[in-house]
N, C-alpha and C. Protein backbone atom coordinates (compact mmCIF):
# COMPACT_ATOMS: atom_id res chain seq x y z
N MET A 1 36.65 50.86 39.02
CA MET A 1 35.25 50.98 39.41
C MET A 1 35.00 52.42 39.84
N GLU A 2 34.00 53.09 39.26
CA GLU A 2 33.72 54.46 39.64
C GLU A 2 33.00 54.50 40.99
N ARG A 3 32.93 55.71 41.54
CA ARG A 3 32.44 55.88 42.90
C ARG A 3 31.02 55.34 43.10
N SER A 4 30.08 55.64 42.22
CA SER A 4 28.70 55.17 42.40
C SER A 4 28.61 53.65 42.25
N SER A 5 29.38 53.09 41.34
CA SER A 5 29.39 51.64 41.18
C SER A 5 29.96 50.97 42.42
N LEU A 6 30.98 51.58 43.00
CA LEU A 6 31.57 51.04 44.22
C LEU A 6 30.55 51.07 45.35
N GLY A 7 29.81 52.17 45.45
CA GLY A 7 28.79 52.27 46.48
C GLY A 7 27.70 51.22 46.33
N LEU A 8 27.24 51.00 45.11
CA LEU A 8 26.23 49.97 44.86
C LEU A 8 26.78 48.58 45.18
N PHE A 9 28.03 48.37 44.84
CA PHE A 9 28.66 47.09 45.13
C PHE A 9 28.72 46.85 46.64
N VAL A 10 29.14 47.87 47.38
CA VAL A 10 29.24 47.73 48.84
C VAL A 10 27.86 47.47 49.44
N LEU A 11 26.84 48.16 48.95
CA LEU A 11 25.48 47.94 49.46
C LEU A 11 25.00 46.52 49.17
N LYS A 12 25.34 46.01 48.00
CA LYS A 12 24.95 44.63 47.69
C LYS A 12 25.66 43.64 48.60
N VAL A 13 26.96 43.88 48.81
CA VAL A 13 27.74 42.97 49.64
C VAL A 13 27.26 43.02 51.09
N LEU A 14 27.07 44.21 51.58
CA LEU A 14 26.62 44.37 52.96
C LEU A 14 25.11 44.54 52.96
N ASP A 15 24.41 43.46 52.77
CA ASP A 15 22.95 43.45 52.74
C ASP A 15 22.41 44.18 53.97
N ILE A 16 21.68 45.24 53.76
CA ILE A 16 21.14 46.05 54.86
C ILE A 16 20.28 45.19 55.79
N LYS A 17 19.55 44.28 55.21
CA LYS A 17 18.72 43.40 56.02
C LYS A 17 19.59 42.57 56.96
N MET A 18 20.74 42.13 56.48
CA MET A 18 21.64 41.35 57.32
C MET A 18 22.20 42.20 58.46
N ILE A 19 22.51 43.46 58.17
CA ILE A 19 23.00 44.36 59.22
C ILE A 19 21.92 44.55 60.28
N ARG A 20 20.69 44.82 59.84
CA ARG A 20 19.58 44.95 60.80
C ARG A 20 19.41 43.66 61.59
N PHE A 21 19.54 42.52 60.90
CA PHE A 21 19.39 41.23 61.56
C PHE A 21 20.40 41.11 62.70
N PHE A 22 21.65 41.45 62.44
CA PHE A 22 22.66 41.28 63.48
C PHE A 22 22.53 42.31 64.60
N MET A 23 21.99 43.48 64.30
CA MET A 23 21.72 44.45 65.38
C MET A 23 20.61 43.91 66.29
N VAL A 24 19.55 43.42 65.70
CA VAL A 24 18.46 42.83 66.49
C VAL A 24 18.95 41.55 67.17
N ALA A 25 19.79 40.80 66.47
CA ALA A 25 20.34 39.58 67.07
C ALA A 25 21.14 39.89 68.32
N GLY A 26 21.82 41.03 68.34
CA GLY A 26 22.55 41.44 69.54
C GLY A 26 21.62 41.58 70.73
N LEU A 27 20.49 42.23 70.52
CA LEU A 27 19.49 42.37 71.57
C LEU A 27 18.95 41.01 71.98
N ASN A 28 18.55 40.21 71.00
CA ASN A 28 17.99 38.90 71.29
C ASN A 28 19.00 37.98 71.97
N THR A 29 20.26 38.06 71.54
CA THR A 29 21.30 37.22 72.13
C THR A 29 21.57 37.63 73.56
N ALA A 30 21.61 38.92 73.83
CA ALA A 30 21.82 39.39 75.20
C ALA A 30 20.71 38.87 76.11
N PHE A 31 19.48 38.96 75.64
CA PHE A 31 18.35 38.46 76.41
C PHE A 31 18.47 36.95 76.62
N GLY A 32 18.70 36.21 75.54
CA GLY A 32 18.77 34.75 75.62
C GLY A 32 19.95 34.26 76.42
N TYR A 33 21.12 34.90 76.26
CA TYR A 33 22.31 34.45 76.98
C TYR A 33 22.17 34.74 78.47
N ALA A 34 21.60 35.89 78.82
CA ALA A 34 21.39 36.21 80.23
C ALA A 34 20.45 35.19 80.87
N LEU A 35 19.41 34.82 80.16
CA LEU A 35 18.49 33.81 80.66
C LEU A 35 19.19 32.46 80.80
N PHE A 36 19.96 32.06 79.78
CA PHE A 36 20.71 30.81 79.81
C PHE A 36 21.68 30.80 81.00
N ALA A 37 22.45 31.87 81.16
CA ALA A 37 23.43 31.94 82.25
C ALA A 37 22.75 31.84 83.61
N PHE A 38 21.61 32.50 83.74
CA PHE A 38 20.86 32.42 85.00
C PHE A 38 20.41 30.99 85.28
N LEU A 39 19.90 30.32 84.26
CA LEU A 39 19.42 28.95 84.43
C LEU A 39 20.56 27.99 84.75
N ILE A 40 21.73 28.19 84.16
CA ILE A 40 22.92 27.40 84.51
C ILE A 40 23.31 27.69 85.95
N PHE A 41 23.29 28.96 86.32
CA PHE A 41 23.68 29.39 87.67
C PHE A 41 22.80 28.74 88.73
N ILE A 42 21.49 28.59 88.44
CA ILE A 42 20.61 27.98 89.44
C ILE A 42 20.64 26.46 89.39
N GLY A 43 21.47 25.89 88.48
CA GLY A 43 21.71 24.46 88.53
C GLY A 43 21.11 23.60 87.44
N LEU A 44 20.49 24.19 86.42
CA LEU A 44 19.94 23.37 85.35
C LEU A 44 21.05 22.84 84.45
N HIS A 45 20.85 21.66 83.88
CA HIS A 45 21.78 21.09 82.90
C HIS A 45 21.77 21.99 81.67
N TYR A 46 22.91 22.08 80.97
CA TYR A 46 23.00 23.01 79.85
C TYR A 46 21.99 22.73 78.74
N THR A 47 21.61 21.47 78.53
CA THR A 47 20.63 21.18 77.48
C THR A 47 19.25 21.69 77.87
N VAL A 48 18.91 21.58 79.15
CA VAL A 48 17.62 22.08 79.63
C VAL A 48 17.61 23.60 79.64
N ALA A 49 18.71 24.20 80.09
CA ALA A 49 18.81 25.66 80.11
C ALA A 49 18.69 26.22 78.69
N ALA A 50 19.34 25.57 77.74
CA ALA A 50 19.26 26.03 76.34
C ALA A 50 17.85 25.86 75.80
N LEU A 51 17.19 24.76 76.14
CA LEU A 51 15.83 24.52 75.67
C LEU A 51 14.85 25.55 76.24
N VAL A 52 14.94 25.81 77.54
CA VAL A 52 14.05 26.80 78.17
C VAL A 52 14.30 28.18 77.56
N GLY A 53 15.57 28.53 77.39
CA GLY A 53 15.90 29.81 76.76
C GLY A 53 15.37 29.91 75.35
N GLN A 54 15.46 28.81 74.63
CA GLN A 54 14.99 28.76 73.25
C GLN A 54 13.48 28.96 73.19
N ILE A 55 12.76 28.28 74.05
CA ILE A 55 11.29 28.39 74.06
C ILE A 55 10.85 29.80 74.39
N ILE A 56 11.42 30.38 75.44
CA ILE A 56 11.05 31.74 75.83
C ILE A 56 11.48 32.74 74.76
N GLY A 57 12.66 32.51 74.19
CA GLY A 57 13.17 33.43 73.19
C GLY A 57 12.42 33.41 71.87
N ILE A 58 11.77 32.31 71.55
CA ILE A 58 11.10 32.20 70.25
C ILE A 58 10.07 33.32 70.05
N LEU A 59 9.21 33.53 71.01
CA LEU A 59 8.17 34.56 70.84
C LEU A 59 8.77 35.96 70.80
N PHE A 60 9.72 36.23 71.69
CA PHE A 60 10.39 37.53 71.70
C PHE A 60 11.10 37.76 70.36
N ASN A 61 11.85 36.77 69.92
CA ASN A 61 12.62 36.89 68.69
C ASN A 61 11.73 36.96 67.45
N PHE A 62 10.62 36.23 67.45
CA PHE A 62 9.71 36.28 66.32
C PHE A 62 9.22 37.72 66.11
N ARG A 63 8.87 38.37 67.19
CA ARG A 63 8.38 39.74 67.09
C ARG A 63 9.49 40.70 66.65
N THR A 64 10.67 40.58 67.26
CA THR A 64 11.73 41.53 66.92
C THR A 64 12.25 41.32 65.50
N TYR A 65 12.53 40.08 65.12
CA TYR A 65 13.00 39.83 63.75
C TYR A 65 11.92 40.15 62.72
N GLY A 66 10.69 39.75 63.00
CA GLY A 66 9.61 40.00 62.06
C GLY A 66 9.37 41.49 61.84
N ALA A 67 9.32 42.25 62.93
CA ALA A 67 9.00 43.67 62.82
C ALA A 67 10.20 44.51 62.37
N LEU A 68 11.36 44.28 62.95
CA LEU A 68 12.50 45.16 62.72
C LEU A 68 13.40 44.76 61.56
N VAL A 69 13.43 43.49 61.22
CA VAL A 69 14.34 43.04 60.16
C VAL A 69 13.58 42.75 58.87
N PHE A 70 12.59 41.88 58.96
CA PHE A 70 11.92 41.41 57.75
C PHE A 70 10.61 42.13 57.46
N LYS A 71 10.19 43.04 58.35
CA LYS A 71 8.97 43.84 58.15
C LYS A 71 7.73 42.98 57.93
N ASN A 72 7.63 41.93 58.72
CA ASN A 72 6.48 41.02 58.59
C ASN A 72 6.24 40.37 59.95
N LYS A 73 5.08 40.67 60.56
CA LYS A 73 4.76 40.14 61.88
C LYS A 73 3.58 39.16 61.84
N LYS A 74 3.27 38.63 60.68
CA LYS A 74 2.10 37.75 60.56
C LYS A 74 2.31 36.46 61.35
N LEU A 75 1.33 36.15 62.20
CA LEU A 75 1.44 34.97 63.06
C LEU A 75 1.43 33.66 62.30
N ASN A 76 0.93 33.65 61.06
CA ASN A 76 0.93 32.40 60.31
C ASN A 76 2.35 31.94 59.95
N LEU A 77 3.34 32.81 60.15
CA LEU A 77 4.74 32.45 59.92
C LEU A 77 5.36 31.75 61.13
N LEU A 78 4.69 31.81 62.27
CA LEU A 78 5.26 31.28 63.52
C LEU A 78 5.64 29.80 63.44
N PRO A 79 4.83 28.91 62.84
CA PRO A 79 5.25 27.50 62.78
C PRO A 79 6.58 27.29 62.05
N ARG A 80 6.79 28.01 60.95
CA ARG A 80 8.08 27.88 60.25
C ARG A 80 9.21 28.47 61.07
N PHE A 81 8.92 29.57 61.77
CA PHE A 81 9.92 30.19 62.64
C PHE A 81 10.32 29.22 63.75
N VAL A 82 9.34 28.54 64.32
CA VAL A 82 9.62 27.54 65.36
C VAL A 82 10.49 26.42 64.80
N MET A 83 10.21 25.98 63.59
CA MET A 83 11.03 24.91 62.98
C MET A 83 12.48 25.37 62.79
N VAL A 84 12.67 26.62 62.41
CA VAL A 84 14.03 27.16 62.30
C VAL A 84 14.72 27.08 63.66
N TYR A 85 13.99 27.42 64.71
CA TYR A 85 14.58 27.40 66.04
C TYR A 85 14.84 25.98 66.54
N VAL A 86 14.06 25.03 66.11
CA VAL A 86 14.34 23.62 66.44
C VAL A 86 15.67 23.22 65.81
N ILE A 87 15.85 23.56 64.55
CA ILE A 87 17.11 23.26 63.87
C ILE A 87 18.27 23.96 64.57
N MET A 88 18.08 25.23 64.89
CA MET A 88 19.13 26.00 65.57
C MET A 88 19.46 25.39 66.93
N TYR A 89 18.45 24.94 67.66
CA TYR A 89 18.67 24.34 68.98
C TYR A 89 19.58 23.12 68.86
N PHE A 90 19.27 22.22 67.93
CA PHE A 90 20.07 21.00 67.82
C PHE A 90 21.49 21.30 67.32
N CYS A 91 21.63 22.27 66.43
CA CYS A 91 22.98 22.67 66.00
C CYS A 91 23.75 23.28 67.17
N ASN A 92 23.07 24.09 67.96
CA ASN A 92 23.69 24.72 69.13
C ASN A 92 24.14 23.67 70.14
N ILE A 93 23.26 22.74 70.47
CA ILE A 93 23.59 21.69 71.45
C ILE A 93 24.72 20.81 70.92
N GLY A 94 24.66 20.47 69.64
CA GLY A 94 25.73 19.67 69.05
C GLY A 94 27.08 20.37 69.13
N GLY A 95 27.09 21.65 68.78
CA GLY A 95 28.33 22.42 68.85
C GLY A 95 28.83 22.59 70.27
N MET A 96 27.90 22.86 71.20
CA MET A 96 28.30 23.00 72.60
C MET A 96 28.88 21.69 73.13
N THR A 97 28.26 20.59 72.79
CA THR A 97 28.74 19.28 73.25
C THR A 97 30.15 19.03 72.72
N LEU A 98 30.38 19.32 71.45
CA LEU A 98 31.73 19.16 70.88
C LEU A 98 32.75 20.05 71.60
N LEU A 99 32.39 21.30 71.82
CA LEU A 99 33.31 22.22 72.50
C LEU A 99 33.61 21.76 73.92
N LYS A 100 32.60 21.25 74.60
CA LYS A 100 32.80 20.77 75.97
C LYS A 100 33.68 19.52 75.99
N GLN A 101 33.40 18.58 75.10
CA GLN A 101 34.12 17.30 75.11
C GLN A 101 35.51 17.40 74.49
N GLN A 102 35.64 18.11 73.39
CA GLN A 102 36.91 18.16 72.66
C GLN A 102 37.85 19.27 73.13
N CYS A 103 37.29 20.37 73.62
CA CYS A 103 38.12 21.52 73.99
C CYS A 103 38.10 21.81 75.49
N GLY A 104 37.25 21.12 76.23
CA GLY A 104 37.16 21.36 77.66
C GLY A 104 36.46 22.65 78.04
N ALA A 105 35.69 23.21 77.11
CA ALA A 105 34.98 24.46 77.39
C ALA A 105 33.90 24.22 78.43
N ASN A 106 33.65 25.25 79.26
CA ASN A 106 32.53 25.14 80.19
C ASN A 106 31.24 25.57 79.49
N ASP A 107 30.12 25.45 80.19
CA ASP A 107 28.82 25.76 79.58
C ASP A 107 28.74 27.20 79.08
N TYR A 108 29.25 28.14 79.87
CA TYR A 108 29.17 29.55 79.51
C TYR A 108 29.98 29.85 78.24
N VAL A 109 31.20 29.34 78.17
CA VAL A 109 32.07 29.59 77.02
C VAL A 109 31.52 28.89 75.78
N ALA A 110 31.12 27.64 75.93
CA ALA A 110 30.59 26.89 74.78
C ALA A 110 29.38 27.59 74.19
N SER A 111 28.49 28.09 75.03
CA SER A 111 27.31 28.79 74.54
C SER A 111 27.69 30.09 73.85
N ALA A 112 28.62 30.83 74.42
CA ALA A 112 29.05 32.09 73.82
C ALA A 112 29.70 31.86 72.45
N VAL A 113 30.53 30.84 72.34
CA VAL A 113 31.20 30.53 71.06
C VAL A 113 30.17 30.16 69.99
N MET A 114 29.14 29.46 70.37
CA MET A 114 28.15 29.00 69.39
C MET A 114 27.20 30.11 68.93
N CYS A 115 27.20 31.26 69.59
CA CYS A 115 26.30 32.35 69.19
C CYS A 115 26.49 32.77 67.74
N VAL A 116 27.73 32.90 67.28
CA VAL A 116 27.97 33.39 65.92
C VAL A 116 27.53 32.39 64.85
N PRO A 117 28.00 31.14 64.89
CA PRO A 117 27.56 30.23 63.82
C PRO A 117 26.06 29.96 63.84
N VAL A 118 25.49 29.85 65.03
CA VAL A 118 24.05 29.60 65.11
C VAL A 118 23.28 30.85 64.66
N GLY A 119 23.81 32.03 64.96
CA GLY A 119 23.18 33.27 64.49
C GLY A 119 23.18 33.38 62.98
N LEU A 120 24.30 33.04 62.35
CA LEU A 120 24.36 33.04 60.88
C LEU A 120 23.38 32.04 60.29
N LEU A 121 23.32 30.87 60.88
CA LEU A 121 22.37 29.86 60.43
C LEU A 121 20.94 30.38 60.54
N GLY A 122 20.63 31.05 61.65
CA GLY A 122 19.30 31.60 61.85
C GLY A 122 18.93 32.64 60.80
N PHE A 123 19.88 33.51 60.45
CA PHE A 123 19.61 34.50 59.42
C PHE A 123 19.26 33.83 58.09
N VAL A 124 20.10 32.90 57.69
CA VAL A 124 19.90 32.23 56.39
C VAL A 124 18.56 31.49 56.37
N LEU A 125 18.28 30.71 57.41
CA LEU A 125 17.04 29.92 57.43
C LEU A 125 15.81 30.81 57.49
N ASN A 126 15.85 31.87 58.32
CA ASN A 126 14.71 32.78 58.39
C ASN A 126 14.49 33.51 57.08
N LYS A 127 15.57 33.92 56.45
CA LYS A 127 15.43 34.64 55.18
C LYS A 127 14.88 33.71 54.09
N LEU A 128 15.39 32.50 54.01
CA LEU A 128 14.99 31.60 52.93
C LEU A 128 13.65 30.91 53.16
N PHE A 129 13.35 30.53 54.39
CA PHE A 129 12.21 29.65 54.64
C PHE A 129 11.07 30.26 55.46
N VAL A 130 11.29 31.42 56.07
CA VAL A 130 10.22 31.98 56.90
C VAL A 130 9.72 33.29 56.30
N PHE A 131 10.48 34.35 56.43
CA PHE A 131 9.99 35.68 56.08
C PHE A 131 10.06 35.99 54.59
N GLU A 132 11.15 35.70 53.94
CA GLU A 132 11.31 36.02 52.52
C GLU A 132 10.52 35.07 51.63
N ARG A 133 10.25 33.88 52.08
CA ARG A 133 9.50 32.90 51.28
C ARG A 133 8.13 33.45 50.89
N ILE A 134 7.51 34.17 51.81
CA ILE A 134 6.19 34.75 51.54
C ILE A 134 6.28 35.76 50.40
N ARG A 135 7.29 36.61 50.42
CA ARG A 135 7.45 37.61 49.36
C ARG A 135 7.69 36.94 48.02
N ARG A 136 8.52 35.90 47.99
CA ARG A 136 8.82 35.20 46.73
C ARG A 136 7.56 34.55 46.17
N SER A 137 6.77 33.92 47.04
CA SER A 137 5.58 33.22 46.54
C SER A 137 4.53 34.22 46.05
N LYS A 138 4.43 35.39 46.67
CA LYS A 138 3.47 36.40 46.21
C LYS A 138 3.89 37.00 44.88
N SER A 139 5.19 37.07 44.63
CA SER A 139 5.65 37.65 43.37
C SER A 139 5.77 36.60 42.27
N GLY A 140 5.46 35.35 42.59
CA GLY A 140 5.50 34.28 41.60
C GLY A 140 6.88 33.72 41.35
N LYS A 141 7.84 34.03 42.22
CA LYS A 141 9.21 33.56 42.03
C LYS A 141 9.50 32.24 42.71
N GLU A 142 8.59 31.74 43.49
CA GLU A 142 8.84 30.48 44.20
C GLU A 142 8.52 29.29 43.36
């Protein structure tokens, strides 16, 4: 493989949008995890703490992902974005429950472990069903 072909291959493999997504996800995760940890610290059950964090995080994350990753801040996308977060919430709670029951993880560890798989799920769902869907339908590819 020649040098320019290798470069194009690497760029395809490492989707720039995905890199931006995970950089923004770092910011969003820090915000959400700090909120979750605080709510656990003050005595809320982990399912309630996760739900409150999810609700507050939705608006913050919609703006950051829309503007910085997908370059689309249209509010008409918010209902689909919320649906993605509903799916992510239940996957997160399911995973946390398994980690707590099967591995003896505490709330803080279980939540931290679930950040990566739930984050990957969020990228895929947002790309396919929220932000990129609009571009595909406008170009006639949907």
